[in-house]
PDB file of N, CA and C in Angstrom:
ATOM      1  N   MET A   1     -13.081 -31.390  10.298  1.00  0.00           N
ATOM      2  CA  MET A   1     -11.875 -30.837   9.716  1.00  0.00           C
ATOM      3  C   MET A   1     -11.923 -29.317   9.874  1.00  0.00           C
ATOM      4  N   THR A   2     -10.918 -28.733  10.454  1.00  0.00           N
ATOM      5  CA  THR A   2     -10.880 -27.285  10.629  1.00  0.00           C
ATOM      6  C   THR A   2      -9.860 -26.674   9.683  1.00  0.00           C
ATOM      7  N   GLU A   3     -10.217 -25.512   9.177  1.00  0.00           N
ATOM      8  CA  GLU A   3      -9.310 -24.799   8.285  1.00  0.00           C
ATOM      9  C   GLU A   3      -8.307 -23.998   9.093  1.00  0.00           C
ATOM     10  N   GLN A   4      -7.110 -23.894   8.595  1.00  0.00           N
ATOM     11  CA  GLN A   4      -6.089 -23.071   9.229  1.00  0.00           C
ATOM     12  C   GLN A   4      -6.252 -21.645   8.732  1.00  0.00           C
ATOM     13  N   PHE A   5      -6.236 -20.698   9.649  1.00  0.00           N
ATOM     14  CA  PHE A   5      -6.322 -19.288   9.290  1.00  0.00           C
ATOM     15  C   PHE A   5      -4.934 -18.747   9.062  1.00  0.00           C
ATOM     16  N   GLU A   6      -4.700 -18.196   7.904  1.00  0.00           N
ATOM     17  CA  GLU A   6      -3.422 -17.570   7.566  1.00  0.00           C
ATOM     18  C   GLU A   6      -3.611 -16.057   7.619  1.00  0.00           C
ATOM     19  N   PRO A   7      -2.987 -15.370   8.584  1.00  0.00           N
ATOM     20  CA  PRO A   7      -3.198 -13.926   8.701  1.00  0.00           C
ATOM     21  C   PRO A   7      -2.678 -13.183   7.478  1.00  0.00           C
ATOM     22  N   GLY A   8      -3.417 -12.160   7.072  1.00  0.00           N
ATOM     23  CA  GLY A   8      -3.020 -11.333   5.944  1.00  0.00           C
ATOM     24  C   GLY A   8      -1.968 -10.315   6.343  1.00  0.00           C
ATOM     25  N   PRO A   9      -1.530  -9.499   5.387  1.00  0.00           N
ATOM     26  CA  PRO A   9      -0.446  -8.559   5.645  1.00  0.00           C
ATOM     27  C   PRO A   9      -0.793  -7.476   6.654  1.00  0.00           C
ATOM     28  N   PHE A  10      -2.069  -7.218   6.886  1.00  0.00           N
ATOM     29  CA  PHE A  10      -2.436  -6.156   7.810  1.00  0.00           C
ATOM     30  C   PHE A  10      -3.006  -6.718   9.112  1.00  0.00           C
ATOM     31  N   ALA A  11      -2.824  -8.007   9.354  1.00  0.00           N
ATOM     32  CA  ALA A  11      -3.290  -8.620  10.597  1.00  0.00           C
ATOM     33  C   ALA A  11      -2.418  -8.155  11.756  1.00  0.00           C
ATOM     34  N   PRO A  12      -2.981  -8.099  12.952  1.00  0.00           N
ATOM     35  CA  PRO A  12      -2.171  -7.731  14.113  1.00  0.00           C
ATOM     36  C   PRO A  12      -0.944  -8.635  14.231  1.00  0.00           C
ATOM     37  N   GLY A  13       0.174  -8.044  14.534  1.00  0.00           N
ATOM     38  CA  GLY A  13       1.404  -8.811  14.683  1.00  0.00           C
ATOM     39  C   GLY A  13       2.161  -9.011  13.385  1.00  0.00           C
ATOM     40  N   HIS A  14       1.600  -8.596  12.284  1.00  0.00           N
ATOM     41  CA  HIS A  14       2.262  -8.725  10.975  1.00  0.00           C
ATOM     42  C   HIS A  14       2.607  -7.328  10.506  1.00  0.00           C
ATOM     43  N   ASP A  15       3.863  -6.947  10.647  1.00  0.00           N
ATOM     44  CA  ASP A  15       4.231  -5.555  10.395  1.00  0.00           C
ATOM     45  C   ASP A  15       5.472  -5.433   9.525  1.00  0.00           C
ATOM     46  N   ASP A  16       5.510  -6.141   8.409  1.00  0.00           N
ATOM     47  CA  ASP A  16       6.688  -6.005   7.559  1.00  0.00           C
ATOM     48  C   ASP A  16       6.495  -4.931   6.491  1.00  0.00           C
ATOM     49  N   GLY A  17       5.292  -4.343   6.399  1.00  0.00           N
ATOM     50  CA  GLY A  17       5.058  -3.242   5.483  1.00  0.00           C
ATOM     51  C   GLY A  17       4.884  -3.636   4.033  1.00  0.00           C
ATOM     52  N   HIS A  18       4.796  -4.924   3.750  1.00  0.00           N
ATOM     53  CA  HIS A  18       4.668  -5.376   2.364  1.00  0.00           C
ATOM     54  C   HIS A  18       3.288  -5.953   2.110  1.00  0.00           C
ATOM     55  N   THR A  19       2.722  -5.580   0.969  1.00  0.00           N
ATOM     56  CA  THR A  19       1.406  -6.085   0.582  1.00  0.00           C
ATOM     57  C   THR A  19       1.514  -7.254  -0.388  1.00  0.00           C
ATOM     58  N   GLY A  20       2.681  -7.391  -1.023  1.00  0.00           N
ATOM     59  CA  GLY A  20       2.847  -8.415  -2.040  1.00  0.00           C
ATOM     60  C   GLY A  20       2.627  -7.864  -3.438  1.00  0.00           C
ATOM     61  N   VAL A  21       2.230  -6.599  -3.536  1.00  0.00           N
ATOM     62  CA  VAL A  21       2.047  -5.925  -4.828  1.00  0.00           C
ATOM     63  C   VAL A  21       3.057  -4.779  -4.859  1.00  0.00           C
ATOM     64  N   ALA A  22       4.051  -4.887  -5.728  1.00  0.00           N
ATOM     65  CA  ALA A  22       5.164  -3.938  -5.736  1.00  0.00           C
ATOM     66  C   ALA A  22       4.702  -2.485  -5.852  1.00  0.00           C
ATOM     67  N   ALA A  23       3.760  -2.213  -6.743  1.00  0.00           N
ATOM     68  CA  ALA A  23       3.297  -0.838  -6.939  1.00  0.00           C
ATOM     69  C   ALA A  23       2.628  -0.301  -5.677  1.00  0.00           C
ATOM     70  N   VAL A  24       1.900  -1.149  -4.969  1.00  0.00           N
ATOM     71  CA  VAL A  24       1.238  -0.731  -3.729  1.00  0.00           C
ATOM     72  C   VAL A  24       2.276  -0.554  -2.628  1.00  0.00           C
ATOM     73  N   ASP A  25       3.258  -1.439  -2.562  1.00  0.00           N
ATOM     74  CA  ASP A  25       4.313  -1.315  -1.561  1.00  0.00           C
ATOM     75  C   ASP A  25       5.068   0.002  -1.717  1.00  0.00           C
ATOM     76  N   GLU A  26       5.289   0.440  -2.949  1.00  0.00           N
ATOM     77  CA  GLU A  26       5.952   1.728  -3.190  1.00  0.00           C
ATOM     78  C   GLU A  26       5.120   2.881  -2.640  1.00  0.00           C
ATOM     79  N   VAL A  27       3.811   2.819  -2.833  1.00  0.00           N
ATOM     80  CA  VAL A  27       2.923   3.871  -2.330  1.00  0.00           C
ATOM     81  C   VAL A  27       2.916   3.864  -0.808  1.00  0.00           C
ATOM     82  N   VAL A  28       2.873   2.684  -0.206  1.00  0.00           N
ATOM     83  CA  VAL A  28       2.890   2.578   1.257  1.00  0.00           C
ATOM     84  C   VAL A  28       4.168   3.198   1.796  1.00  0.00           C
ATOM     85  N   ALA A  29       5.299   2.916   1.168  1.00  0.00           N
ATOM     86  CA  ALA A  29       6.576   3.491   1.607  1.00  0.00           C
ATOM     87  C   ALA A  29       6.569   5.008   1.461  1.00  0.00           C
ATOM     88  N   MET A  30       5.993   5.494   0.379  1.00  0.00           N
ATOM     89  CA  MET A  30       5.916   6.934   0.144  1.00  0.00           C
ATOM     90  C   MET A  30       5.075   7.607   1.234  1.00  0.00           C
ATOM     91  N   VAL A  31       3.944   7.019   1.569  1.00  0.00           N
ATOM     92  CA  VAL A  31       3.071   7.585   2.597  1.00  0.00           C
ATOM     93  C   VAL A  31       3.726   7.457   3.974  1.00  0.00           C
ATOM     94  N   ASP A  32       4.406   6.345   4.229  1.00  0.00           N
ATOM     95  CA  ASP A  32       5.094   6.175   5.511  1.00  0.00           C
ATOM     96  C   ASP A  32       6.145   7.249   5.739  1.00  0.00           C
ATOM     97  N   ALA A  33       6.749   7.745   4.660  1.00  0.00           N
ATOM     98  CA  ALA A  33       7.808   8.742   4.763  1.00  0.00           C
ATOM     99  C   ALA A  33       7.294  10.173   4.727  1.00  0.00           C
ATOM    100  N   VAL A  34       5.979  10.371   4.687  1.00  0.00           N
ATOM    101  CA  VAL A  34       5.424  11.720   4.545  1.00  0.00           C
ATOM    102  C   VAL A  34       5.820  12.627   5.707  1.00  0.00           C
ATOM    103  N   ASP A  35       6.007  12.055   6.890  1.00  0.00           N
ATOM    104  CA  ASP A  35       6.352  12.893   8.038  1.00  0.00           C
ATOM    105  C   ASP A  35       7.761  13.468   7.951  1.00  0.00           C
ATOM    106  N   GLN A  36       8.546  13.005   7.013  1.00  0.00           N
ATOM    107  CA  GLN A  36       9.897  13.537   6.804  1.00  0.00           C
ATOM    108  C   GLN A  36       9.892  14.734   5.846  1.00  0.00           C
ATOM    109  N   ARG A  37       8.727  15.044   5.313  1.00  0.00           N
ATOM    110  CA  ARG A  37       8.605  16.162   4.369  1.00  0.00           C
ATOM    111  C   ARG A  37       7.913  17.327   5.042  1.00  0.00           C
ATOM    112  N   ASP A  38       8.052  18.502   4.443  1.00  0.00           N
ATOM    113  CA  ASP A  38       7.377  19.686   4.958  1.00  0.00           C
ATOM    114  C   ASP A  38       5.868  19.463   4.925  1.00  0.00           C
ATOM    115  N   LEU A  39       5.192  20.050   5.891  1.00  0.00           N
ATOM    116  CA  LEU A  39       3.736  19.923   5.972  1.00  0.00           C
ATOM    117  C   LEU A  39       3.065  20.388   4.685  1.00  0.00           C
ATOM    118  N   ALA A  40       3.618  21.409   4.066  1.00  0.00           N
ATOM    119  CA  ALA A  40       3.051  21.942   2.825  1.00  0.00           C
ATOM    120  C   ALA A  40       3.080  20.903   1.692  1.00  0.00           C
ATOM    121  N   ASP A  41       3.934  19.897   1.796  1.00  0.00           N
ATOM    122  CA  ASP A  41       4.056  18.868   0.752  1.00  0.00           C
ATOM    123  C   ASP A  41       3.109  17.684   0.959  1.00  0.00           C
ATOM    124  N   HIS A  42       2.472  17.616   2.128  1.00  0.00           N
ATOM    125  CA  HIS A  42       1.664  16.444   2.445  1.00  0.00           C
ATOM    126  C   HIS A  42       0.502  16.240   1.478  1.00  0.00           C
ATOM    127  N   VAL A  43      -0.182  17.306   1.109  1.00  0.00           N
ATOM    128  CA  VAL A  43      -1.312  17.162   0.180  1.00  0.00           C
ATOM    129  C   VAL A  43      -0.842  16.564  -1.136  1.00  0.00           C
ATOM    130  N   GLU A  44       0.289  17.013  -1.631  1.00  0.00           N
ATOM    131  CA  GLU A  44       0.826  16.487  -2.888  1.00  0.00           C
ATOM    132  C   GLU A  44       1.145  14.997  -2.763  1.00  0.00           C
ATOM    133  N   VAL A  45       1.743  14.603  -1.634  1.00  0.00           N
ATOM    134  CA  VAL A  45       2.087  13.192  -1.428  1.00  0.00           C
ATOM    135  C   VAL A  45       0.823  12.332  -1.425  1.00  0.00           C
ATOM    136  N   PHE A  46      -0.196  12.780  -0.686  1.00  0.00           N
ATOM    137  CA  PHE A  46      -1.421  11.978  -0.620  1.00  0.00           C
ATOM    138  C   PHE A  46      -2.171  11.972  -1.951  1.00  0.00           C
ATOM    139  N   THR A  47      -2.098  13.058  -2.696  1.00  0.00           N
ATOM    140  CA  THR A  47      -2.711  13.095  -4.022  1.00  0.00           C
ATOM    141  C   THR A  47      -2.016  12.108  -4.955  1.00  0.00           C
ATOM    142  N   GLN A  48      -0.675  12.095  -4.923  1.00  0.00           N
ATOM    143  CA  GLN A  48       0.076  11.150  -5.745  1.00  0.00           C
ATOM    144  C   GLN A  48      -0.226   9.706  -5.329  1.00  0.00           C
ATOM    145  N   ALA A  49      -0.307   9.479  -4.013  1.00  0.00           N
ATOM    146  CA  ALA A  49      -0.608   8.135  -3.524  1.00  0.00           C
ATOM    147  C   ALA A  49      -1.963   7.676  -4.045  1.00  0.00           C
ATOM    148  N   HIS A  50      -2.952   8.550  -3.975  1.00  0.00           N
ATOM    149  CA  HIS A  50      -4.292   8.214  -4.456  1.00  0.00           C
ATOM    150  C   HIS A  50      -4.269   7.887  -5.942  1.00  0.00           C
ATOM    151  N   GLU A  51      -3.582   8.719  -6.724  1.00  0.00           N
ATOM    152  CA  GLU A  51      -3.518   8.498  -8.175  1.00  0.00           C
ATOM    153  C   GLU A  51      -2.837   7.174  -8.502  1.00  0.00           C
ATOM    154  N   ARG A  52      -1.747   6.869  -7.801  1.00  0.00           N
ATOM    155  CA  ARG A  52      -1.036   5.611  -8.063  1.00  0.00           C
ATOM    156  C   ARG A  52      -1.882   4.399  -7.680  1.00  0.00           C
ATOM    157  N   LEU A  53      -2.534   4.469  -6.528  1.00  0.00           N
ATOM    158  CA  LEU A  53      -3.382   3.350  -6.115  1.00  0.00           C
ATOM    159  C   LEU A  53      -4.569   3.183  -7.062  1.00  0.00           C
ATOM    160  N   ARG A  54      -5.128   4.291  -7.511  1.00  0.00           N
ATOM    161  CA  ARG A  54      -6.225   4.234  -8.483  1.00  0.00           C
ATOM    162  C   ARG A  54      -5.739   3.551  -9.757  1.00  0.00           C
ATOM    163  N   GLY A  55      -4.514   3.874 -10.174  1.00  0.00           N
ATOM    164  CA  GLY A  55      -3.944   3.238 -11.359  1.00  0.00           C
ATOM    165  C   GLY A  55      -3.779   1.743 -11.190  1.00  0.00           C
ATOM    166  N   VAL A  56      -3.373   1.312 -10.004  1.00  0.00           N
ATOM    167  CA  VAL A  56      -3.226  -0.124  -9.741  1.00  0.00           C
ATOM    168  C   VAL A  56      -4.595  -0.794  -9.819  1.00  0.00           C
ATOM    169  N   LEU A  57      -5.609  -0.165  -9.233  1.00  0.00           N
ATOM    170  CA  LEU A  57      -6.945  -0.761  -9.259  1.00  0.00           C
ATOM    171  C   LEU A  57      -7.546  -0.782 -10.661  1.00  0.00           C
ATOM    172  N   ASP A  58      -7.226   0.224 -11.475  1.00  0.00           N
ATOM    173  CA  ASP A  58      -7.786   0.315 -12.819  1.00  0.00           C
ATOM    174  C   ASP A  58      -7.036  -0.531 -13.837  1.00  0.00           C
ATOM    175  N   ALA A  59      -5.839  -1.002 -13.490  1.00  0.00           N
ATOM    176  CA  ALA A  59      -5.032  -1.791 -14.418  1.00  0.00           C
ATOM    177  C   ALA A  59      -5.699  -3.137 -14.666  1.00  0.00           C
ATOM    178  N   PRO A  60      -5.566  -3.648 -15.875  1.00  0.00           N
ATOM    179  CA  PRO A  60      -6.136  -4.962 -16.153  1.00  0.00           C
ATOM    180  C   PRO A  60      -5.477  -6.038 -15.281  1.00  0.00           C
ATOM    181  N   ASP A  61      -6.251  -7.032 -14.892  1.00  0.00           N
ATOM    182  CA  ASP A  61      -5.747  -8.121 -14.079  1.00  0.00           C
ATOM    183  C   ASP A  61      -4.921  -9.055 -14.965  1.00  0.00           C
ATOM    184  N   GLU A  62      -3.625  -9.075 -14.720  1.00  0.00           N
ATOM    185  CA  GLU A  62      -2.727  -9.885 -15.553  1.00  0.00           C
ATOM    186  C   GLU A  62      -2.669 -11.339 -15.112  1.00  0.00           C
ATOM    187  N   SER A  63      -3.298 -11.669 -13.983  1.00  0.00           N
ATOM    188  CA  SER A  63      -3.242 -13.056 -13.501  1.00  0.00           C
ATOM    189  C   SER A  63      -4.282 -13.941 -14.192  1.00  0.00           C
ATOM    190  N   ALA A  64      -5.195 -13.328 -14.923  1.00  0.00           N
ATOM    191  CA  ALA A  64      -6.255 -14.104 -15.573  1.00  0.00           C
ATOM    192  C   ALA A  64      -5.790 -14.758 -16.833  1.00  0.00           C
TER     193      ALA A  64
END
C-alpha cells in the first residue's frame, strides 16, 4: 500500500500565496508588496512582518 503525497502550500507548482492561516497570509501579502514602497520603508515592513509572525507562533494553539 503506498501513501499519496499531498503537496504543501510551498511545493513547486503551488503558487496561490495562501498558507491556510489568515494572520500569516496577511504578512505574506504585506511582504510581497514591499517592492511597491520606498526603500527606506523596507526595514519597517520586515520588522512588522517579524513581529506579527512571532505573535502567531507565540499565540496559544486553539485547535487543542
